[in-house]
Amino acid sequence: MQFIITGRNINITNGLREAVESKIGKLEKYFAPDTVVNVTLSVDKDRHKIEVTIPVKGSIIRSEQVSNDMYVSIDLAQEIIERQLKKYKSKLIDKHQAASSFKKEYVENDYFDEEEIRIERTKKFDIKPMYPEDAAVQMELLGHSFYIFVNADTNQTNVIYKRKGGTYGLIEPEE
């Protein structure tokens, strides 16, 4: 695995680099040797955050963990990614495409799904054209964390969502 480690508001010391490479490096048993792992460490007051992104063919495996200690965050990120790999193995690996991104042992090993993805309920509703600001208001009125709408400016389906810190995000399709 090849690590790209960056820091925001934190100096990447040899100790931190070694901790990331040793902990996240445990995931090496799942991935092909040329897999690139992007790790971003950041500190904001008492929040020590790690973001790990592993692009594989057709998917992105990602974990973002926050704690009051960077080493704890690193441990948590490694555990979460390993759990994701075991849980979603059948979804991640299409034998014809993404198998080359993973080691043979991982592809051939059967992991038992701890939890199967089940869709419990389906909702249908009329999507009305509106501006993103109006969609944010509608989302707040409904008490939801996201809202799907047709953008009145672009006439495309968009999603507005609530971010940490009380801000909003907008998802638009690429053209």
N, C-alpha and C. Protein backbone atom coordinates (compact mmCIF):
# COMPACT_ATOMS: atom_id res chain seq x y z
N MET A 1 0.85 -1.18 0.00
CA MET A 1 0.00 0.00 0.00
C MET A 1 0.89 1.23 0.00
N GLN A 2 0.43 2.23 -0.72
CA GLN A 2 1.16 3.49 -0.78
C GLN A 2 0.34 4.54 -0.02
N PHE A 3 0.97 5.18 0.94
CA PHE A 3 0.28 6.15 1.78
C PHE A 3 0.59 7.57 1.33
N ILE A 4 -0.46 8.37 1.24
CA ILE A 4 -0.31 9.81 1.05
C ILE A 4 -0.92 10.44 2.31
N ILE A 5 -0.05 10.94 3.18
CA ILE A 5 -0.50 11.46 4.47
C ILE A 5 -0.33 12.97 4.48
N THR A 6 -1.42 13.67 4.73
CA THR A 6 -1.37 15.13 4.82
C THR A 6 -1.93 15.57 6.16
N GLY A 7 -1.52 16.75 6.57
CA GLY A 7 -1.98 17.29 7.84
C GLY A 7 -2.57 18.67 7.70
N ARG A 8 -3.62 18.92 8.44
CA ARG A 8 -4.23 20.24 8.51
C ARG A 8 -4.19 20.67 9.97
N ASN A 9 -3.54 21.78 10.23
CA ASN A 9 -3.37 22.30 11.59
C ASN A 9 -2.63 21.30 12.48
N ILE A 10 -1.79 20.46 11.88
CA ILE A 10 -1.02 19.49 12.64
C ILE A 10 0.23 19.13 11.84
N ASN A 11 1.34 19.00 12.55
CA ASN A 11 2.57 18.53 11.91
C ASN A 11 2.56 17.01 11.94
N ILE A 12 2.86 16.41 10.81
CA ILE A 12 2.90 14.95 10.74
C ILE A 12 4.27 14.50 11.27
N THR A 13 4.27 14.08 12.52
CA THR A 13 5.51 13.61 13.14
C THR A 13 5.80 12.18 12.68
N ASN A 14 7.03 11.74 12.94
CA ASN A 14 7.38 10.36 12.60
C ASN A 14 6.48 9.37 13.35
N GLY A 15 6.15 9.70 14.60
CA GLY A 15 5.27 8.84 15.40
C GLY A 15 3.89 8.70 14.79
N LEU A 16 3.33 9.82 14.35
CA LEU A 16 2.01 9.77 13.70
C LEU A 16 2.07 9.01 12.40
N ARG A 17 3.11 9.28 11.60
CA ARG A 17 3.27 8.59 10.31
C ARG A 17 3.38 7.07 10.54
N GLU A 18 4.18 6.68 11.53
CA GLU A 18 4.33 5.25 11.83
C GLU A 18 3.03 4.65 12.33
N ALA A 19 2.28 5.39 13.15
CA ALA A 19 1.01 4.89 13.66
C ALA A 19 0.02 4.67 12.51
N VAL A 20 -0.06 5.63 11.59
CA VAL A 20 -0.96 5.50 10.44
C VAL A 20 -0.54 4.31 9.59
N GLU A 21 0.75 4.24 9.26
CA GLU A 21 1.22 3.18 8.37
C GLU A 21 1.08 1.80 9.01
N SER A 22 1.26 1.71 10.34
CA SER A 22 1.14 0.40 10.97
C SER A 22 -0.33 0.00 11.14
N LYS A 23 -1.17 0.93 11.61
CA LYS A 23 -2.59 0.60 11.84
C LYS A 23 -3.34 0.42 10.53
N ILE A 24 -3.29 1.43 9.68
CA ILE A 24 -4.00 1.34 8.41
C ILE A 24 -3.32 0.30 7.51
N GLY A 25 -2.03 0.10 7.71
CA GLY A 25 -1.29 -0.91 6.97
C GLY A 25 -1.78 -2.33 7.23
N LYS A 26 -2.48 -2.54 8.35
CA LYS A 26 -3.07 -3.86 8.62
C LYS A 26 -4.10 -4.24 7.56
N LEU A 27 -4.61 -3.24 6.86
CA LEU A 27 -5.61 -3.50 5.81
C LEU A 27 -4.95 -4.01 4.54
N GLU A 28 -3.62 -4.04 4.54
CA GLU A 28 -2.86 -4.46 3.37
C GLU A 28 -3.25 -5.88 2.92
N LYS A 29 -3.70 -6.70 3.87
CA LYS A 29 -4.08 -8.08 3.54
C LYS A 29 -5.29 -8.14 2.61
N TYR A 30 -6.01 -7.02 2.45
CA TYR A 30 -7.18 -7.00 1.59
C TYR A 30 -6.90 -6.45 0.20
N PHE A 31 -5.90 -5.58 0.09
CA PHE A 31 -5.71 -4.80 -1.14
C PHE A 31 -4.50 -5.24 -1.95
N ALA A 32 -4.56 -4.92 -3.24
CA ALA A 32 -3.42 -5.13 -4.13
C ALA A 32 -2.28 -4.22 -3.67
N PRO A 33 -1.02 -4.61 -3.93
CA PRO A 33 0.13 -3.84 -3.43
C PRO A 33 0.20 -2.39 -3.94
N ASP A 34 -0.36 -2.11 -5.10
CA ASP A 34 -0.26 -0.76 -5.66
C ASP A 34 -1.41 0.15 -5.23
N THR A 35 -2.20 -0.27 -4.24
CA THR A 35 -3.32 0.53 -3.76
C THR A 35 -2.83 1.79 -3.07
N VAL A 36 -3.43 2.93 -3.42
CA VAL A 36 -3.07 4.21 -2.82
C VAL A 36 -4.07 4.52 -1.70
N VAL A 37 -3.56 4.89 -0.55
CA VAL A 37 -4.39 5.25 0.59
C VAL A 37 -4.15 6.72 0.91
N ASN A 38 -5.20 7.52 0.82
CA ASN A 38 -5.11 8.95 1.15
C ASN A 38 -5.56 9.14 2.59
N VAL A 39 -4.68 9.70 3.40
CA VAL A 39 -4.99 9.92 4.82
C VAL A 39 -4.80 11.41 5.12
N THR A 40 -5.81 12.01 5.70
CA THR A 40 -5.73 13.40 6.12
C THR A 40 -5.97 13.47 7.62
N LEU A 41 -5.00 14.03 8.33
CA LEU A 41 -5.11 14.23 9.77
C LEU A 41 -5.35 15.71 10.02
N SER A 42 -6.30 16.02 10.89
CA SER A 42 -6.54 17.42 11.20
C SER A 42 -6.90 17.58 12.66
N VAL A 43 -6.59 18.77 13.17
CA VAL A 43 -6.90 19.08 14.56
C VAL A 43 -7.62 20.42 14.60
N ASP A 44 -8.73 20.44 15.32
CA ASP A 44 -9.49 21.68 15.52
C ASP A 44 -9.93 21.68 16.98
N LYS A 45 -9.27 22.48 17.78
CA LYS A 45 -9.48 22.51 19.23
C LYS A 45 -9.19 21.12 19.79
N ASP A 46 -10.18 20.46 20.39
CA ASP A 46 -9.97 19.12 20.96
C ASP A 46 -10.42 18.01 20.02
N ARG A 47 -10.72 18.37 18.79
CA ARG A 47 -11.20 17.37 17.82
C ARG A 47 -10.03 16.90 16.95
N HIS A 48 -9.64 15.65 17.14
CA HIS A 48 -8.58 15.04 16.34
C HIS A 48 -9.26 14.15 15.31
N LYS A 49 -9.14 14.54 14.06
CA LYS A 49 -9.90 13.88 13.00
C LYS A 49 -8.98 13.22 12.00
N ILE A 50 -9.36 12.02 11.57
CA ILE A 50 -8.65 11.32 10.51
C ILE A 50 -9.66 10.99 9.41
N GLU A 51 -9.27 11.23 8.18
CA GLU A 51 -10.07 10.86 7.02
C GLU A 51 -9.22 9.91 6.19
N VAL A 52 -9.72 8.72 5.96
CA VAL A 52 -9.02 7.72 5.16
C VAL A 52 -9.86 7.44 3.93
N THR A 53 -9.26 7.60 2.76
CA THR A 53 -9.95 7.35 1.50
C THR A 53 -9.12 6.38 0.68
N ILE A 54 -9.75 5.29 0.26
CA ILE A 54 -9.07 4.28 -0.55
C ILE A 54 -9.88 4.09 -1.83
N PRO A 55 -9.41 4.69 -2.93
CA PRO A 55 -10.14 4.49 -4.19
C PRO A 55 -9.82 3.11 -4.78
N VAL A 56 -10.86 2.36 -5.08
CA VAL A 56 -10.72 1.09 -5.78
C VAL A 56 -11.62 1.14 -7.00
N LYS A 57 -11.37 0.29 -7.93
CA LYS A 57 -12.11 0.32 -9.19
C LYS A 57 -13.61 0.29 -8.92
N GLY A 58 -14.31 1.35 -9.31
CA GLY A 58 -15.75 1.39 -9.18
C GLY A 58 -16.29 1.83 -7.83
N SER A 59 -15.43 2.03 -6.83
CA SER A 59 -15.89 2.40 -5.49
C SER A 59 -14.85 3.24 -4.78
N ILE A 60 -15.28 3.79 -3.67
CA ILE A 60 -14.37 4.48 -2.76
C ILE A 60 -14.68 3.94 -1.37
N ILE A 61 -13.64 3.50 -0.70
CA ILE A 61 -13.79 3.04 0.68
C ILE A 61 -13.30 4.19 1.55
N ARG A 62 -14.14 4.62 2.50
CA ARG A 62 -13.83 5.83 3.23
C ARG A 62 -14.25 5.70 4.69
N SER A 63 -13.45 6.30 5.55
CA SER A 63 -13.80 6.40 6.96
C SER A 63 -13.34 7.75 7.47
N GLU A 64 -14.17 8.38 8.26
CA GLU A 64 -13.84 9.65 8.90
C GLU A 64 -14.15 9.48 10.38
N GLN A 65 -13.13 9.63 11.22
CA GLN A 65 -13.32 9.42 12.65
C GLN A 65 -12.78 10.61 13.43
N VAL A 66 -13.49 10.96 14.50
CA VAL A 66 -13.10 12.10 15.34
C VAL A 66 -13.08 11.64 16.79
N SER A 67 -12.03 12.02 17.50
CA SER A 67 -11.97 11.77 18.94
C SER A 67 -11.11 12.86 19.56
N ASN A 68 -10.82 12.73 20.85
CA ASN A 68 -9.97 13.73 21.50
C ASN A 68 -8.51 13.32 21.48
N ASP A 69 -8.18 12.20 20.79
CA ASP A 69 -6.81 11.71 20.68
C ASP A 69 -6.61 11.16 19.27
N MET A 70 -5.57 11.63 18.58
CA MET A 70 -5.35 11.23 17.19
C MET A 70 -5.11 9.73 17.06
N TYR A 71 -4.42 9.13 18.02
CA TYR A 71 -4.14 7.70 17.95
C TYR A 71 -5.42 6.87 18.09
N VAL A 72 -6.36 7.35 18.90
CA VAL A 72 -7.65 6.68 19.03
C VAL A 72 -8.41 6.80 17.71
N SER A 73 -8.36 7.97 17.10
CA SER A 73 -9.04 8.18 15.80
C SER A 73 -8.47 7.24 14.74
N ILE A 74 -7.16 7.06 14.74
CA ILE A 74 -6.52 6.16 13.77
C ILE A 74 -7.01 4.73 13.99
N ASP A 75 -7.05 4.28 15.26
CA ASP A 75 -7.55 2.94 15.57
C ASP A 75 -8.98 2.75 15.09
N LEU A 76 -9.83 3.74 15.38
CA LEU A 76 -11.24 3.66 14.98
C LEU A 76 -11.39 3.56 13.47
N ALA A 77 -10.63 4.37 12.74
CA ALA A 77 -10.72 4.37 11.27
C ALA A 77 -10.35 3.00 10.71
N GLN A 78 -9.30 2.41 11.25
CA GLN A 78 -8.87 1.09 10.78
C GLN A 78 -9.96 0.04 11.04
N GLU A 79 -10.55 0.07 12.22
CA GLU A 79 -11.61 -0.90 12.56
C GLU A 79 -12.83 -0.73 11.67
N ILE A 80 -13.22 0.51 11.41
CA ILE A 80 -14.39 0.77 10.58
C ILE A 80 -14.18 0.28 9.16
N ILE A 81 -13.01 0.58 8.59
CA ILE A 81 -12.74 0.15 7.22
C ILE A 81 -12.72 -1.37 7.12
N GLU A 82 -12.11 -2.02 8.10
CA GLU A 82 -12.07 -3.48 8.07
C GLU A 82 -13.48 -4.06 8.15
N ARG A 83 -14.31 -3.48 8.99
CA ARG A 83 -15.70 -3.93 9.11
C ARG A 83 -16.44 -3.71 7.79
N GLN A 84 -16.22 -2.55 7.14
CA GLN A 84 -16.86 -2.27 5.85
C GLN A 84 -16.44 -3.30 4.81
N LEU A 85 -15.15 -3.61 4.78
CA LEU A 85 -14.64 -4.56 3.79
C LEU A 85 -15.28 -5.94 3.95
N LYS A 86 -15.44 -6.37 5.19
CA LYS A 86 -16.05 -7.68 5.43
C LYS A 86 -17.55 -7.66 5.15
N LYS A 87 -18.20 -6.58 5.55
CA LYS A 87 -19.65 -6.50 5.44
C LYS A 87 -20.11 -6.35 3.99
N TYR A 88 -19.39 -5.54 3.23
CA TYR A 88 -19.85 -5.23 1.88
C TYR A 88 -19.02 -5.91 0.80
N LYS A 89 -18.33 -6.99 1.16
CA LYS A 89 -17.45 -7.66 0.20
C LYS A 89 -18.15 -7.97 -1.10
N SER A 90 -19.32 -8.58 -1.02
CA SER A 90 -20.02 -8.98 -2.25
C SER A 90 -20.44 -7.77 -3.07
N LYS A 91 -20.67 -6.65 -2.43
CA LYS A 91 -21.06 -5.44 -3.16
C LYS A 91 -19.84 -4.74 -3.77
N LEU A 92 -18.70 -4.82 -3.07
CA LEU A 92 -17.49 -4.15 -3.54
C LEU A 92 -16.84 -4.86 -4.71
N ILE A 93 -16.91 -6.18 -4.71
CA ILE A 93 -16.17 -6.94 -5.71
C ILE A 93 -17.11 -7.49 -6.76
N ASP A 94 -17.02 -6.94 -7.93
CA ASP A 94 -17.64 -7.54 -9.10
C ASP A 94 -16.51 -8.36 -9.70
N LYS A 95 -16.66 -9.66 -9.74
CA LYS A 95 -15.57 -10.56 -10.12
C LYS A 95 -14.88 -10.13 -11.41
N HIS A 96 -15.59 -9.43 -12.28
CA HIS A 96 -15.00 -9.08 -13.57
C HIS A 96 -14.29 -7.74 -13.56
N GLN A 97 -14.62 -6.87 -12.63
CA GLN A 97 -14.06 -5.52 -12.65
C GLN A 97 -13.13 -5.23 -11.48
N ALA A 98 -13.67 -5.17 -10.30
CA ALA A 98 -12.92 -4.65 -9.16
C ALA A 98 -12.02 -5.68 -8.50
N ALA A 99 -12.11 -6.92 -8.88
CA ALA A 99 -11.31 -7.95 -8.23
C ALA A 99 -9.82 -7.66 -8.31
N SER A 100 -9.38 -6.97 -9.34
CA SER A 100 -7.96 -6.66 -9.49
C SER A 100 -7.47 -5.67 -8.43
N SER A 101 -8.37 -4.95 -7.79
CA SER A 101 -7.99 -3.99 -6.75
C SER A 101 -7.71 -4.66 -5.41
N PHE A 102 -8.12 -5.92 -5.28
CA PHE A 102 -8.02 -6.60 -4.01
C PHE A 102 -7.13 -7.83 -4.13
N LYS A 103 -6.62 -8.27 -2.99
CA LYS A 103 -5.81 -9.48 -2.96
C LYS A 103 -6.69 -10.71 -3.19
N LYS A 104 -6.10 -11.74 -3.76
CA LYS A 104 -6.82 -12.98 -4.09
C LYS A 104 -7.46 -13.59 -2.84
N GLU A 105 -6.74 -13.55 -1.71
CA GLU A 105 -7.26 -14.14 -0.48
C GLU A 105 -8.55 -13.46 -0.03
N TYR A 106 -8.60 -12.14 -0.18
CA TYR A 106 -9.80 -11.39 0.20
C TYR A 106 -10.97 -11.74 -0.72
N VAL A 107 -10.70 -11.82 -2.01
CA VAL A 107 -11.74 -12.11 -2.99
C VAL A 107 -12.32 -13.50 -2.75
N GLU A 108 -11.46 -14.45 -2.41
CA GLU A 108 -11.91 -15.83 -2.26
C GLU A 108 -12.48 -16.15 -0.88
N ASN A 109 -12.17 -15.34 0.12
CA ASN A 109 -12.63 -15.60 1.48
C ASN A 109 -14.10 -15.21 1.62
N ASP A 110 -14.85 -16.06 2.30
CA ASP A 110 -16.25 -15.75 2.54
C ASP A 110 -16.39 -15.12 3.92
N TYR A 111 -16.94 -13.94 3.96
CA TYR A 111 -17.25 -13.29 5.22
C TYR A 111 -18.76 -13.33 5.37
N PHE A 112 -19.20 -13.56 6.57
CA PHE A 112 -20.62 -13.61 6.80
C PHE A 112 -21.13 -12.20 7.08
N ASP A 113 -22.17 -11.83 6.37
CA ASP A 113 -22.76 -10.52 6.59
C ASP A 113 -23.33 -10.45 8.00
N GLU A 114 -22.82 -9.47 8.75
CA GLU A 114 -23.36 -9.27 10.09
C GLU A 114 -24.78 -8.72 9.97
N GLU A 115 -24.94 -7.87 9.00
CA GLU A 115 -26.21 -7.21 8.80
C GLU A 115 -26.46 -7.12 7.32
N GLU A 116 -27.55 -7.64 6.88
CA GLU A 116 -27.91 -7.57 5.48
C GLU A 116 -28.62 -6.24 5.23
N ILE A 117 -28.37 -5.63 4.09
CA ILE A 117 -29.04 -4.38 3.76
C ILE A 117 -30.47 -4.71 3.35
N ARG A 118 -31.40 -4.12 4.07
CA ARG A 118 -32.81 -4.34 3.75
C ARG A 118 -33.50 -3.00 3.62
N ILE A 119 -34.25 -2.84 2.58
CA ILE A 119 -35.04 -1.63 2.41
C ILE A 119 -36.38 -1.91 3.08
N GLU A 120 -36.65 -1.16 4.13
CA GLU A 120 -37.84 -1.38 4.94
C GLU A 120 -39.08 -0.69 4.39
N ARG A 121 -38.87 0.48 3.80
CA ARG A 121 -40.02 1.27 3.37
C ARG A 121 -39.67 2.05 2.13
N THR A 122 -40.63 2.21 1.25
CA THR A 122 -40.45 3.00 0.05
C THR A 122 -41.44 4.15 0.10
N LYS A 123 -40.94 5.35 -0.18
CA LYS A 123 -41.81 6.52 -0.23
C LYS A 123 -41.84 7.07 -1.64
N LYS A 124 -42.98 7.55 -2.05
CA LYS A 124 -43.11 8.22 -3.33
C LYS A 124 -43.70 9.60 -3.05
N PHE A 125 -43.12 10.59 -3.72
CA PHE A 125 -43.65 11.93 -3.55
C PHE A 125 -43.36 12.74 -4.80
N ASP A 126 -44.12 13.78 -4.96
CA ASP A 126 -43.98 14.66 -6.11
C ASP A 126 -42.78 15.60 -5.88
N ILE A 127 -41.82 15.56 -6.81
CA ILE A 127 -40.66 16.43 -6.70
C ILE A 127 -40.96 17.72 -7.45
N LYS A 128 -40.97 18.81 -6.71
CA LYS A 128 -41.34 20.10 -7.30
C LYS A 128 -40.11 20.96 -7.56
N PRO A 129 -40.12 21.71 -8.65
CA PRO A 129 -39.00 22.64 -8.90
C PRO A 129 -38.96 23.73 -7.82
N MET A 130 -37.77 23.96 -7.28
CA MET A 130 -37.58 25.03 -6.29
C MET A 130 -36.11 25.40 -6.25
N TYR A 131 -35.82 26.47 -5.59
CA TYR A 131 -34.44 26.92 -5.44
C TYR A 131 -33.83 26.22 -4.22
N PRO A 132 -32.50 26.05 -4.22
CA PRO A 132 -31.86 25.35 -3.10
C PRO A 132 -32.19 25.93 -1.73
N GLU A 133 -32.30 27.24 -1.63
CA GLU A 133 -32.63 27.86 -0.34
C GLU A 133 -34.02 27.45 0.12
N ASP A 134 -34.97 27.38 -0.83
CA ASP A 134 -36.33 26.94 -0.49
C ASP A 134 -36.34 25.47 -0.07
N ALA A 135 -35.51 24.67 -0.73
CA ALA A 135 -35.41 23.25 -0.39
C ALA A 135 -34.86 23.08 1.03
N ALA A 136 -33.89 23.94 1.41
CA ALA A 136 -33.33 23.88 2.76
C ALA A 136 -34.41 24.19 3.80
N VAL A 137 -35.23 25.18 3.51
CA VAL A 137 -36.32 25.53 4.42
C VAL A 137 -37.31 24.38 4.53
N GLN A 138 -37.66 23.78 3.39
CA GLN A 138 -38.59 22.65 3.38
C GLN A 138 -38.02 21.47 4.18
N MET A 139 -36.72 21.21 4.02
CA MET A 139 -36.06 20.14 4.75
C MET A 139 -36.16 20.39 6.25
N GLU A 140 -35.89 21.62 6.66
CA GLU A 140 -35.97 21.97 8.09
C GLU A 140 -37.39 21.81 8.62
N LEU A 141 -38.37 22.21 7.82
CA LEU A 141 -39.77 22.09 8.26
C LEU A 141 -40.15 20.63 8.45
N LEU A 142 -39.60 19.75 7.62
CA LEU A 142 -39.90 18.32 7.74
C LEU A 142 -39.08 17.64 8.83
N GLY A 143 -38.00 18.30 9.27
CA GLY A 143 -37.14 17.73 10.29
C GLY A 143 -36.23 16.63 9.75
N HIS A 144 -35.94 16.68 8.47
CA HIS A 144 -35.07 15.68 7.85
C HIS A 144 -33.64 16.19 7.76
N SER A 145 -32.71 15.28 7.45
CA SER A 145 -31.31 15.68 7.30
C SER A 145 -30.93 15.85 5.83
N PHE A 146 -31.85 15.51 4.91
CA PHE A 146 -31.63 15.75 3.48
C PHE A 146 -32.98 15.95 2.80
N TYR A 147 -32.95 16.50 1.59
CA TYR A 147 -34.18 16.75 0.86
C TYR A 147 -33.87 16.69 -0.64
N ILE A 148 -34.67 15.94 -1.37
CA ILE A 148 -34.50 15.81 -2.82
C ILE A 148 -35.48 16.76 -3.51
N PHE A 149 -34.96 17.48 -4.51
CA PHE A 149 -35.81 18.43 -5.22
C PHE A 149 -35.28 18.64 -6.64
N VAL A 150 -36.12 19.24 -7.48
CA VAL A 150 -35.68 19.64 -8.82
C VAL A 150 -35.26 21.09 -8.72
N ASN A 151 -34.02 21.37 -9.08
CA ASN A 151 -33.48 22.72 -9.01
C ASN A 151 -34.16 23.58 -10.08
N ALA A 152 -34.78 24.66 -9.67
CA ALA A 152 -35.50 25.53 -10.59
C ALA A 152 -34.56 26.21 -11.59
N ASP A 153 -33.28 26.39 -11.22
CA ASP A 153 -32.32 27.01 -12.13
C ASP A 153 -31.86 26.05 -13.22
N THR A 154 -31.59 24.80 -12.85
CA THR A 154 -30.98 23.85 -13.79
C THR A 154 -31.95 22.79 -14.29
N ASN A 155 -33.09 22.66 -13.65
CA ASN A 155 -34.10 21.65 -13.98
C ASN A 155 -33.56 20.22 -13.80
N GLN A 156 -32.60 20.05 -12.88
CA GLN A 156 -32.02 18.75 -12.59
C GLN A 156 -32.36 18.36 -11.15
N THR A 157 -32.37 17.07 -10.90
CA THR A 157 -32.61 16.58 -9.55
C THR A 157 -31.38 16.85 -8.69
N ASN A 158 -31.57 17.47 -7.53
CA ASN A 158 -30.50 17.80 -6.59
C ASN A 158 -30.89 17.28 -5.21
N VAL A 159 -29.89 17.20 -4.35
CA VAL A 159 -30.12 16.84 -2.95
C VAL A 159 -29.46 17.90 -2.09
N ILE A 160 -30.21 18.44 -1.16
CA ILE A 160 -29.62 19.35 -0.18
C ILE A 160 -29.56 18.58 1.13
N TYR A 161 -28.47 18.76 1.88
CA TYR A 161 -28.31 17.99 3.11
C TYR A 161 -27.69 18.86 4.19
N LYS A 162 -27.94 18.46 5.42
CA LYS A 162 -27.41 19.19 6.57
C LYS A 162 -26.06 18.61 6.92
N ARG A 163 -25.08 19.50 7.08
CA ARG A 163 -23.71 19.09 7.42
C ARG A 163 -23.47 19.31 8.90
N LYS A 164 -22.38 18.72 9.37
CA LYS A 164 -21.98 18.97 10.75
C LYS A 164 -21.70 20.45 10.90
N GLY A 165 -22.05 21.01 12.01
CA GLY A 165 -21.81 22.43 12.24
C GLY A 165 -22.96 23.30 11.78
N GLY A 166 -24.08 22.69 11.35
CA GLY A 166 -25.26 23.47 11.00
C GLY A 166 -25.24 24.09 9.61
N THR A 167 -24.27 23.75 8.78
CA THR A 167 -24.24 24.27 7.42
C THR A 167 -24.95 23.29 6.49
N TYR A 168 -25.10 23.67 5.24
CA TYR A 168 -25.80 22.85 4.27
C TYR A 168 -24.88 22.49 3.11
N GLY A 169 -25.17 21.35 2.49
CA GLY A 169 -24.45 20.92 1.29
C GLY A 169 -25.46 20.68 0.19
N LEU A 170 -25.00 20.80 -1.04
CA LEU A 170 -25.85 20.59 -2.20
C LEU A 170 -25.17 19.58 -3.13
N ILE A 171 -25.90 18.55 -3.50
CA ILE A 171 -25.38 17.55 -4.43
C ILE A 171 -26.08 17.77 -5.76
N GLU A 172 -25.26 18.00 -6.79
CA GLU A 172 -25.76 18.20 -8.15
C GLU A 172 -25.15 17.14 -9.06
N PRO A 173 -25.88 16.70 -10.07
CA PRO A 173 -25.29 15.73 -11.00
C PRO A 173 -24.26 16.41 -11.91
N GLU A 174 -23.25 15.64 -12.32
CA GLU A 174 -22.27 16.18 -13.26
C GLU A 174 -22.94 16.27 -14.63
N GLU A 175 -22.48 17.21 -15.38
CA GLU A 175 -23.06 17.36 -16.71
C GLU A 175 -22.23 16.68 -17.74
